[in-house]
């Protein structure tokens, strides 16, 4: 296997979140194990987590980003610049590595960007199947999309990897299994950004309802994970000061997989975190906190792998009641755990990395 150079173009921010960057770093670590050189190009947006690239000792070329905290629902706005400007600025660094292979994971970039980049090969990581691409390999991370979903979106012939081949961090790729039935621990994580303050809403609902209607057998312990782009950290710390319930606010913990495995139930956004829960088999309530998460969320719910909760549906029970109904039903927890484990391959990241290095 000859050494290759991969350049990964990916961003993170308060509106994008950190999921795209997390999965690209996971892939980069496997590529490095296969003796490949990996370089990142990121924009320095507000709430960016690009310091994780440096922390993991990869080379990073940083472009100017959006300095404000504006949140847009339109993916094309997340780039903050025109695609052609991004081509021009990214190419300055890509051209420093002749014969490099480019991997792009960005909802704000499409065939306009991909067709103007000078590289040995172009690989696209996507999960939306909603825009045109120009690439030799498309890696879909939705669980449900097939090559047919992209046939009319990709210019020319292309290879496809998808289904249960989901890029996971190494700590989620081993064969550890969930065994926390009866622990009473509930973990909450809405991703690295949470611009709509779902974490705060969930915690407020749990604290209020636990105070009103809990019984002795309803004793639960809440662990809340927040990322560096979370703007509600101080409010969450204040909410956690309650004598009725044990609540811990954990800022960027490094042992997320262990925290999940120790939990009887997780409440997660339906991005990267819910896929990691699948790998571990941790029973979960999922929230589609962004439009781009709905497809995967509905697929997992229809498969019986997760319980899907919608804050916008007034007919739904309070999330506190859903939690109690879940953890008071050991059979349901066990069935969900088994179903979750079937949704993703524990070897997926290595399989994808080897495919990239060997082609």
Protein backbone atom coordinates (compact mmCIF):
# COMPACT_ATOMS: atom_id res chain seq x y z
CA UNK A 1 0.00 0.00 0.00
CA UNK A 2 1.67 3.24 -1.12
CA UNK A 3 1.53 6.38 0.96
CA UNK A 4 -1.16 8.88 0.00
CA UNK A 5 -1.91 12.45 0.99
CA UNK A 6 -5.51 13.29 1.89
CA UNK A 7 -6.79 16.83 2.30
CA UNK A 8 -10.05 17.08 4.23
CA UNK A 9 -12.23 20.17 3.71
CA UNK A 10 -14.69 20.42 6.62
CA UNK A 11 -16.09 23.09 8.93
CA UNK A 12 -17.67 23.28 12.37
CA UNK A 13 -19.47 26.17 14.05
CA UNK A 14 -22.39 27.15 16.26
CA UNK A 15 -24.80 26.60 13.38
CA UNK A 16 -23.05 23.62 11.72
CA UNK A 17 -22.25 21.79 14.94
CA UNK A 18 -19.20 19.57 15.39
CA UNK A 19 -20.46 16.28 13.91
CA UNK A 20 -18.90 16.68 10.46
CA UNK A 21 -15.52 17.50 11.97
CA UNK A 22 -15.79 14.61 14.47
CA UNK A 23 -16.39 12.02 11.78
CA UNK A 24 -13.63 13.46 9.57
CA UNK A 25 -11.18 13.27 12.49
CA UNK A 26 -12.24 9.67 13.10
CA UNK A 27 -11.54 8.85 9.46
CA UNK A 28 -8.26 10.78 9.54
CA UNK A 29 -7.00 8.72 12.48
CA UNK A 30 -7.62 5.49 10.59
CA UNK A 31 -6.00 6.88 7.43
CA UNK A 32 -2.94 7.81 9.48
CA UNK A 33 -2.73 4.23 10.83
CA UNK A 34 -2.52 3.14 7.19
CA UNK A 35 0.51 5.45 6.74
CA UNK A 36 -1.38 8.16 4.87
CA UNK A 37 -0.69 11.86 5.42
CA UNK A 38 -3.79 13.88 6.37
CA UNK A 39 -4.21 17.67 6.21
CA UNK A 40 -7.30 19.67 7.20
CA UNK A 41 -8.67 22.89 5.73
CA UNK A 42 -11.27 24.59 7.96
CA UNK A 43 -12.85 28.01 8.28
CA UNK A 44 -12.57 29.80 11.60
CA UNK A 45 -16.32 30.29 12.09
CA UNK A 46 -17.91 31.44 15.35
CA UNK A 47 -18.04 28.39 17.60
CA UNK A 48 -15.57 26.42 15.48
CA UNK A 49 -14.01 23.31 17.05
CA UNK A 50 -10.97 23.27 14.75
CA UNK A 51 -8.66 23.19 17.78
CA UNK A 52 -9.49 19.47 17.92
CA UNK A 53 -7.53 19.05 14.68
CA UNK A 54 -4.42 20.48 16.31
CA UNK A 55 -5.04 18.57 19.53
CA UNK A 56 -4.94 15.35 17.52
CA UNK A 57 -1.72 16.56 15.86
CA UNK A 58 -2.95 16.91 12.29
CA UNK A 59 -1.78 19.76 10.10
CA UNK A 60 -4.42 22.49 9.81
CA UNK A 61 -4.77 25.31 7.30
CA UNK A 62 -7.26 27.84 8.66
CA UNK A 63 -9.38 30.14 6.48
CA UNK A 64 -11.31 33.20 7.66
CA UNK A 65 -14.79 32.38 8.93
CA UNK A 66 -18.07 33.98 9.97
CA UNK A 67 -17.51 35.95 13.14
CA UNK A 68 -21.15 36.38 14.15
CA UNK A 69 -23.48 33.94 15.87
CA UNK A 70 -26.21 34.14 13.23
CA UNK A 71 -28.05 30.85 12.75
CA UNK A 72 -29.42 30.02 9.30
CA UNK A 73 -31.56 27.02 8.37
CA UNK A 74 -30.21 27.15 4.80
CA UNK A 75 -27.17 24.92 4.34
CA UNK A 76 -25.75 27.14 1.61
CA UNK A 77 -25.43 29.95 4.16
CA UNK A 78 -23.22 27.85 6.45
CA UNK A 79 -20.13 28.36 4.28
CA UNK A 80 -20.25 32.13 4.80
CA UNK A 81 -18.57 32.81 1.44
CA UNK A 82 -19.20 31.99 -2.21
CA UNK A 83 -18.13 28.53 -3.33
CA UNK A 84 -15.75 30.02 -5.90
CA UNK A 85 -14.07 32.14 -3.23
CA UNK A 86 -13.68 29.00 -1.16
CA UNK A 87 -12.18 27.23 -4.20
CA UNK A 88 -9.65 30.04 -4.59
CA UNK A 89 -8.67 30.11 -0.92
CA UNK A 90 -8.65 26.33 -0.44
CA UNK A 91 -6.64 25.78 -3.63
CA UNK A 92 -3.75 27.84 -2.26
CA UNK A 93 -3.20 25.06 0.27
CA UNK A 94 -4.31 22.09 -1.86
CA UNK A 95 -1.77 23.08 -4.52
CA UNK A 96 0.98 22.78 -1.88
CA UNK A 97 0.42 19.00 -1.99
CA UNK A 98 0.59 17.85 -5.65
CA UNK A 99 -1.22 14.58 -6.33
CA UNK A 100 -3.30 14.84 -3.18
CA UNK A 101 -6.71 13.22 -2.70
CA UNK A 102 -9.45 15.56 -1.47
CA UNK A 103 -12.27 14.58 0.89
CA UNK A 104 -15.07 17.12 1.37
CA UNK A 105 -17.74 16.95 4.07
CA UNK A 106 -19.80 20.15 3.90
CA UNK A 107 -23.48 20.84 3.21
CA UNK A 108 -22.52 24.25 1.78
CA UNK A 109 -20.31 22.80 -0.96
CA UNK A 110 -21.38 20.91 -4.09
CA UNK A 111 -20.30 20.20 -7.66
CA UNK A 112 -19.43 23.87 -8.24
CA UNK A 113 -16.66 23.56 -5.68
CA UNK A 114 -15.71 19.95 -6.43
CA UNK A 115 -15.32 20.45 -10.19
CA UNK A 116 -12.97 23.41 -9.71
CA UNK A 117 -10.53 21.73 -7.30
CA UNK A 118 -7.29 20.36 -8.81
CA UNK A 119 -6.63 17.00 -7.17
CA UNK A 120 -5.91 13.33 -7.85
CA UNK A 121 -9.36 12.24 -6.69
CA UNK A 122 -12.45 13.75 -5.05
CA UNK A 123 -14.41 11.95 -2.32
CA UNK A 124 -17.67 13.40 -0.97
CA UNK A 125 -19.13 12.56 2.43
CA UNK A 126 -22.86 13.34 2.50
CA UNK A 127 -26.14 12.18 4.00
CA UNK A 128 -28.71 14.51 2.43
CA UNK A 129 -28.73 13.54 -1.26
CA UNK A 130 -30.10 17.00 -2.05
CA UNK A 131 -27.47 18.61 -4.32
CA UNK A 132 -25.22 17.80 -7.29
CA UNK A 133 -21.71 16.42 -6.87
CA UNK A 134 -18.62 15.72 -8.96
CA UNK A 135 -16.67 12.91 -7.32
CA UNK A 136 -15.21 9.45 -7.86
CA UNK A 137 -16.46 8.14 -4.49
CA UNK A 138 -19.51 9.12 -2.46
CA UNK A 139 -19.68 8.01 1.18
CA UNK A 140 -23.25 8.34 2.50
CA UNK A 141 -23.78 8.51 6.27
CA UNK A 142 -27.59 8.52 6.46
CA UNK A 143 -28.03 4.74 7.02
CA UNK A 144 -30.96 4.73 4.57
CA UNK A 145 -29.78 6.27 1.26
CA UNK A 146 -28.53 3.99 -1.51
CA UNK A 147 -26.60 4.68 -4.69
CA UNK A 148 -29.93 5.15 -6.44
CA UNK A 149 -30.59 8.28 -4.35
CA UNK A 150 -27.49 9.87 -5.92
CA UNK A 151 -27.68 8.52 -9.49
CA UNK A 152 -29.13 11.76 -10.87
CA UNK A 153 -27.03 13.98 -8.60
CA UNK A 154 -23.48 12.84 -9.41
CA UNK A 155 -21.88 13.78 -12.72
CA UNK A 156 -20.39 10.68 -14.38
CA UNK A 157 -19.45 7.32 -12.90
CA UNK A 158 -18.88 7.06 -9.17
CA UNK A 159 -18.38 4.43 -6.51
CA UNK A 160 -20.64 4.36 -3.46
CA UNK A 161 -20.29 3.34 0.17
CA UNK A 162 -23.22 3.60 2.56
CA UNK A 163 -25.76 1.55 4.49
CA UNK A 164 -24.33 0.45 7.83
CA UNK A 165 -20.83 1.73 6.96
CA UNK A 166 -20.85 4.70 9.32
CA UNK A 167 -17.67 6.57 10.25
CA UNK A 168 -17.19 6.26 14.01
CA UNK A 169 -14.54 7.41 16.45
CA UNK A 170 -12.28 4.57 17.57
CA UNK A 171 -13.77 4.47 21.07
CA UNK A 172 -17.12 3.51 19.47
CA UNK A 173 -15.67 0.98 17.04
CA UNK A 174 -14.74 -1.78 19.47
CA UNK A 175 -17.06 -4.54 20.63
CA UNK A 176 -18.02 -3.16 24.05
CA UNK A 177 -21.69 -3.65 24.88
CA UNK A 178 -24.23 -1.80 27.01
CA UNK A 179 -24.93 -3.47 30.37
CA UNK A 180 -26.29 -0.59 32.48
CA UNK A 181 -29.82 -1.88 33.01
CA UNK A 182 -31.07 -0.56 36.36
CA UNK A 183 -28.36 2.09 36.83
CA UNK A 184 -30.90 4.93 36.79
CA UNK A 185 -28.44 7.14 34.93
CA UNK A 186 -29.73 9.29 32.07
CA UNK A 187 -27.30 11.04 29.72
CA UNK A 188 -28.30 14.11 27.67
CA UNK A 189 -26.29 15.43 24.72
CA UNK A 190 -27.57 17.55 21.86
CA UNK A 191 -24.26 17.72 20.03
CA UNK A 192 -21.45 20.25 20.06
CA UNK A 193 -23.52 23.40 19.47
CA UNK A 194 -27.24 23.13 20.33
CA UNK A 195 -28.21 26.57 18.92
CA UNK A 196 -31.91 26.03 19.72
CA UNK A 197 -31.22 25.30 23.42
CA UNK A 198 -32.81 21.84 23.41
CA UNK A 199 -30.53 20.74 26.28
CA UNK A 200 -31.88 23.52 28.47
CA UNK A 201 -35.50 22.71 27.54
CA UNK A 202 -35.01 19.02 28.34
CA UNK A 203 -33.32 19.69 31.68
CA UNK A 204 -35.98 22.23 32.70
CA UNK A 205 -38.72 19.72 31.85
CA UNK A 206 -37.06 16.93 33.83
CA UNK A 207 -36.40 19.07 36.92
CA UNK A 208 -39.91 20.57 36.95
CA UNK A 209 -41.73 17.26 36.51
CA UNK A 210 -39.48 15.32 38.87
CA UNK A 211 -40.30 17.85 41.59
CA UNK A 212 -44.04 17.60 40.87
CA UNK A 213 -44.74 13.95 40.36
CA UNK A 214 -41.82 11.65 41.08
CA UNK A 215 -42.12 8.68 43.40
CA UNK A 216 -39.28 6.93 45.30
CA UNK A 217 -38.83 4.37 42.55
CA UNK A 218 -38.31 7.16 40.02
CA UNK A 219 -34.84 8.11 41.30
CA UNK A 220 -32.68 9.03 38.35
CA UNK A 221 -29.29 10.69 37.91
CA UNK A 222 -28.78 13.15 35.05
CA UNK A 223 -25.48 13.70 33.22
CA UNK A 224 -25.47 16.52 30.67
CA UNK A 225 -22.71 16.78 28.06
CA UNK A 226 -22.10 20.17 26.43
CA UNK A 227 -19.55 21.23 23.82
CA UNK A 228 -17.42 24.32 23.40
CA UNK A 229 -20.01 26.00 21.15
CA UNK A 230 -22.81 25.73 23.72
CA UNK A 231 -24.12 29.18 24.73
CA UNK A 232 -26.26 27.94 27.64
CA UNK A 233 -23.47 26.60 29.84
CA UNK A 234 -24.01 29.09 32.69
CA UNK A 235 -27.80 28.57 32.64
CA UNK A 236 -27.34 24.80 32.73
CA UNK A 237 -24.95 25.06 35.69
CA UNK A 238 -27.58 27.10 37.54
CA UNK A 239 -30.32 24.58 36.75
CA UNK A 240 -28.11 21.77 38.04
CA UNK A 241 -28.17 23.24 41.56
CA UNK A 242 -31.18 21.34 42.86
CA UNK A 243 -31.62 19.18 45.96
CA UNK A 244 -34.36 17.09 44.34
CA UNK A 245 -32.24 15.51 41.63
CA UNK A 246 -28.55 14.74 41.02
CA UNK A 247 -27.49 16.68 37.92
CA UNK A 248 -23.94 16.95 36.53
CA UNK A 249 -22.94 19.29 33.69
CA UNK A 250 -19.92 17.83 31.85
CA UNK A 251 -17.96 20.15 29.55
CA UNK A 252 -16.26 18.37 26.63
CA UNK A 253 -15.56 15.11 28.52
CA UNK A 254 -13.08 12.77 26.87
CA UNK A 255 -14.75 9.53 27.99
CA UNK A 256 -18.07 9.93 26.18
CA UNK A 257 -18.33 6.27 25.21
CA UNK A 258 -17.85 5.22 28.83
CA UNK A 259 -20.47 7.72 30.02
CA UNK A 260 -22.92 6.34 27.46
CA UNK A 261 -22.24 2.74 28.43
CA UNK A 262 -22.84 3.58 32.11
CA UNK A 263 -26.22 5.14 31.28
CA UNK A 264 -29.50 3.29 31.38
CA UNK A 265 -30.84 5.67 28.76
CA UNK A 266 -29.47 8.43 26.51
CA UNK A 267 -31.30 11.46 25.12
CA UNK A 268 -29.41 12.44 21.98
CA UNK A 269 -29.62 14.61 18.89
CA UNK A 270 -29.96 12.48 15.76
CA UNK A 271 -26.59 13.39 14.29
CA UNK A 272 -23.26 11.72 14.99
CA UNK A 273 -24.16 10.97 18.61
CA UNK A 274 -27.13 8.75 17.78
CA UNK A 275 -24.96 6.71 15.40
CA UNK A 276 -22.42 6.27 18.19
CA UNK A 277 -25.22 5.06 20.45
CA UNK A 278 -26.07 2.49 17.77
CA UNK A 279 -22.51 1.17 17.84
CA UNK A 280 -22.63 0.71 21.61
CA UNK A 281 -26.23 -0.49 21.76
CA UNK A 282 -27.22 2.14 24.33
CA UNK A 283 -31.05 2.62 24.47
CA UNK A 284 -31.85 6.13 23.32
CA UNK A 285 -34.51 8.77 22.87
CA UNK A 286 -33.64 10.73 19.72
CA UNK A 287 -34.43 14.34 18.84
CA UNK A 288 -34.10 15.62 15.28
CA UNK A 289 -32.75 19.04 16.25
CA UNK A 290 -32.10 20.09 12.64
CA UNK A 291 -33.80 19.45 9.31
CA UNK A 292 -30.83 17.42 8.06
CA UNK A 293 -31.29 14.91 10.92
CA UNK A 294 -34.91 13.99 10.17
CA UNK A 295 -34.24 11.30 7.59
CA UNK A 296 -31.88 9.29 9.80
CA UNK A 297 -34.07 9.88 12.87
CA UNK A 298 -37.20 8.59 11.16
CA UNK A 299 -35.32 5.61 9.73
CA UNK A 300 -34.04 4.57 13.18
CA UNK A 301 -37.46 5.10 14.76
CA UNK A 302 -39.28 3.11 12.07
CA UNK A 303 -36.73 0.33 12.55
CA UNK A 304 -37.60 0.19 16.25
CA UNK A 305 -34.06 1.17 17.27
CA UNK A 306 -34.88 4.45 19.04
CA UNK A 307 -37.79 6.35 20.55
CA UNK A 308 -38.25 9.60 18.63
CA UNK A 309 -39.35 12.69 20.56
CA UNK A 310 -40.62 15.96 19.09
CA UNK A 311 -40.76 19.06 21.28
CA UNK A 312 -42.93 20.75 18.67
CA UNK A 313 -45.68 18.14 18.89
CA UNK A 314 -48.06 19.25 21.64
CA UNK A 315 -49.70 15.81 21.67
CA UNK A 316 -46.48 14.19 22.88
CA UNK A 317 -46.07 13.36 26.55
CA UNK A 318 -43.56 15.41 28.51
CA UNK A 319 -40.06 14.09 27.90
CA UNK A 320 -39.83 13.30 31.61
CA UNK A 321 -42.76 10.89 31.32
CA UNK A 322 -41.19 9.30 28.21
CA UNK A 323 -37.95 8.77 30.17
CA UNK A 324 -39.76 7.09 33.07
CA UNK A 325 -41.83 4.89 30.76
CA UNK A 326 -38.58 3.79 29.09
CA UNK A 327 -36.44 3.04 32.15
CA UNK A 328 -39.31 1.31 33.94
CA UNK A 329 -39.56 -1.16 31.06
CA UNK A 330 -36.43 -3.38 31.11
CA UNK A 331 -37.69 -5.55 28.25
CA UNK A 332 -38.08 -2.51 25.99
CA UNK A 333 -34.61 -1.26 26.92
CA UNK A 334 -33.03 -4.62 26.10
CA UNK A 335 -34.87 -4.95 22.79
CA UNK A 336 -33.84 -1.44 21.73
CA UNK A 337 -30.23 -2.18 22.66
CA UNK A 338 -30.15 -5.29 20.46
CA UNK A 339 -31.78 -3.46 17.56
CA UNK A 340 -29.37 -0.51 17.79
CA UNK A 341 -26.35 -2.81 17.50
CA UNK A 342 -27.59 -4.08 14.14
CA UNK A 343 -27.75 -0.61 12.59
CA UNK A 344 -24.02 0.07 12.13
CA UNK A 345 -20.88 -1.95 11.43
CA UNK A 346 -18.18 -1.80 14.12
CA UNK A 347 -15.52 -2.13 11.38
CA UNK A 348 -16.95 0.60 9.15
CA UNK A 349 -14.31 3.31 9.64
CA UNK A 350 -11.45 0.90 8.96
CA UNK A 351 -13.25 -0.48 5.88
CA UNK A 352 -13.75 3.04 4.49
CA UNK A 353 -10.16 4.09 5.27
CA UNK A 354 -8.75 1.01 3.53
CA UNK A 355 -10.96 1.63 0.50
CA UNK A 356 -9.59 5.18 0.24
CA UNK A 357 -5.96 4.08 0.61
CA UNK A 358 -6.14 1.11 -1.73
CA UNK A 359 -7.98 2.70 -4.65
